[in-house]
Amino acid sequence: MRTKFPDKVLRIMHFYIYNALFSRSLILFFNNSRSHYLCLLS
């Protein structure tokens, strides 16, 4: 079954989705570690 999107468009979409998920997890990780360090320092 052929998709309507060419392979290049699918690859770009997957790249952007992966980047969005990865950056969001990184932001969550940095927020958690920063609050953890603030709790340790205070």
C-alpha atoms as a PDB file:
ATOM      1  CA  MET A   1       0.000   0.000   0.000  1.00  0.00           C
ATOM      2  CA  ARG A   2       1.625   3.228  -1.159  1.00  0.00           C
ATOM      3  CA  THR A   3       1.380   6.357   0.966  1.00  0.00           C
ATOM      4  CA  LYS A   4       0.579   9.747  -0.475  1.00  0.00           C
ATOM      5  CA  PHE A   5       3.687  11.280   1.065  1.00  0.00           C
ATOM      6  CA  PRO A   6       7.074  10.842  -0.593  1.00  0.00           C
ATOM      7  CA  ASP A   7       9.844   9.263   1.458  1.00  0.00           C
ATOM      8  CA  LYS A   8      11.637  12.558   1.955  1.00  0.00           C
ATOM      9  CA  VAL A   9       8.543  14.165   3.520  1.00  0.00           C
ATOM     10  CA  LEU A  10       8.047  11.163   5.814  1.00  0.00           C
ATOM     11  CA  ARG A  11      11.688  11.304   6.871  1.00  0.00           C
ATOM     12  CA  ILE A  12      11.427  15.022   7.645  1.00  0.00           C
ATOM     13  CA  MET A  13       8.209  14.444   9.628  1.00  0.00           C
ATOM     14  CA  HIS A  14       9.797  11.630  11.631  1.00  0.00           C
ATOM     15  CA  PHE A  15      12.856  13.816  12.232  1.00  0.00           C
ATOM     16  CA  TYR A  16      10.760  16.692  13.561  1.00  0.00           C
ATOM     17  CA  ILE A  17       8.589  14.432  15.726  1.00  0.00           C
ATOM     18  CA  TYR A  18      11.665  12.724  17.172  1.00  0.00           C
ATOM     19  CA  ASN A  19      13.315  16.087  17.849  1.00  0.00           C
ATOM     20  CA  ALA A  20      10.200  17.432  19.555  1.00  0.00           C
ATOM     21  CA  LEU A  21       9.899  14.386  21.826  1.00  0.00           C
ATOM     22  CA  PHE A  22      13.618  14.363  22.575  1.00  0.00           C
ATOM     23  CA  SER A  23      13.783  18.084  23.385  1.00  0.00           C
ATOM     24  CA  ARG A  24      10.696  17.829  25.602  1.00  0.00           C
ATOM     25  CA  SER A  25      12.213  14.942  27.576  1.00  0.00           C
ATOM     26  CA  LEU A  26      15.475  16.885  27.861  1.00  0.00           C
ATOM     27  CA  ILE A  27      13.612  19.948  29.160  1.00  0.00           C
ATOM     28  CA  LEU A  28      11.763  17.802  31.699  1.00  0.00           C
ATOM     29  CA  PHE A  29      15.016  16.189  32.784  1.00  0.00           C
ATOM     30  CA  PHE A  30      16.761  19.543  33.210  1.00  0.00           C
ATOM     31  CA  ASN A  31      13.805  20.962  35.145  1.00  0.00           C
ATOM     32  CA  ASN A  32      13.791  17.960  37.484  1.00  0.00           C
ATOM     33  CA  SER A  33      17.544  18.056  38.047  1.00  0.00           C
ATOM     34  CA  ARG A  34      17.506  21.823  38.591  1.00  0.00           C
ATOM     35  CA  SER A  35      14.771  21.601  41.220  1.00  0.00           C
ATOM     36  CA  HIS A  36      16.629  18.681  42.814  1.00  0.00           C
ATOM     37  CA  TYR A  37      19.841  20.725  43.014  1.00  0.00           C
ATOM     38  CA  LEU A  38      17.917  23.695  44.404  1.00  0.00           C
ATOM     39  CA  CYS A  39      16.490  21.455  47.111  1.00  0.00           C
ATOM     40  CA  LEU A  40      19.983  20.186  47.903  1.00  0.00           C
ATOM     41  CA  LEU A  41      21.446  23.696  48.056  1.00  0.00           C
ATOM     42  CA  SER A  42      18.719  25.221  50.189  1.00  0.00           C
END
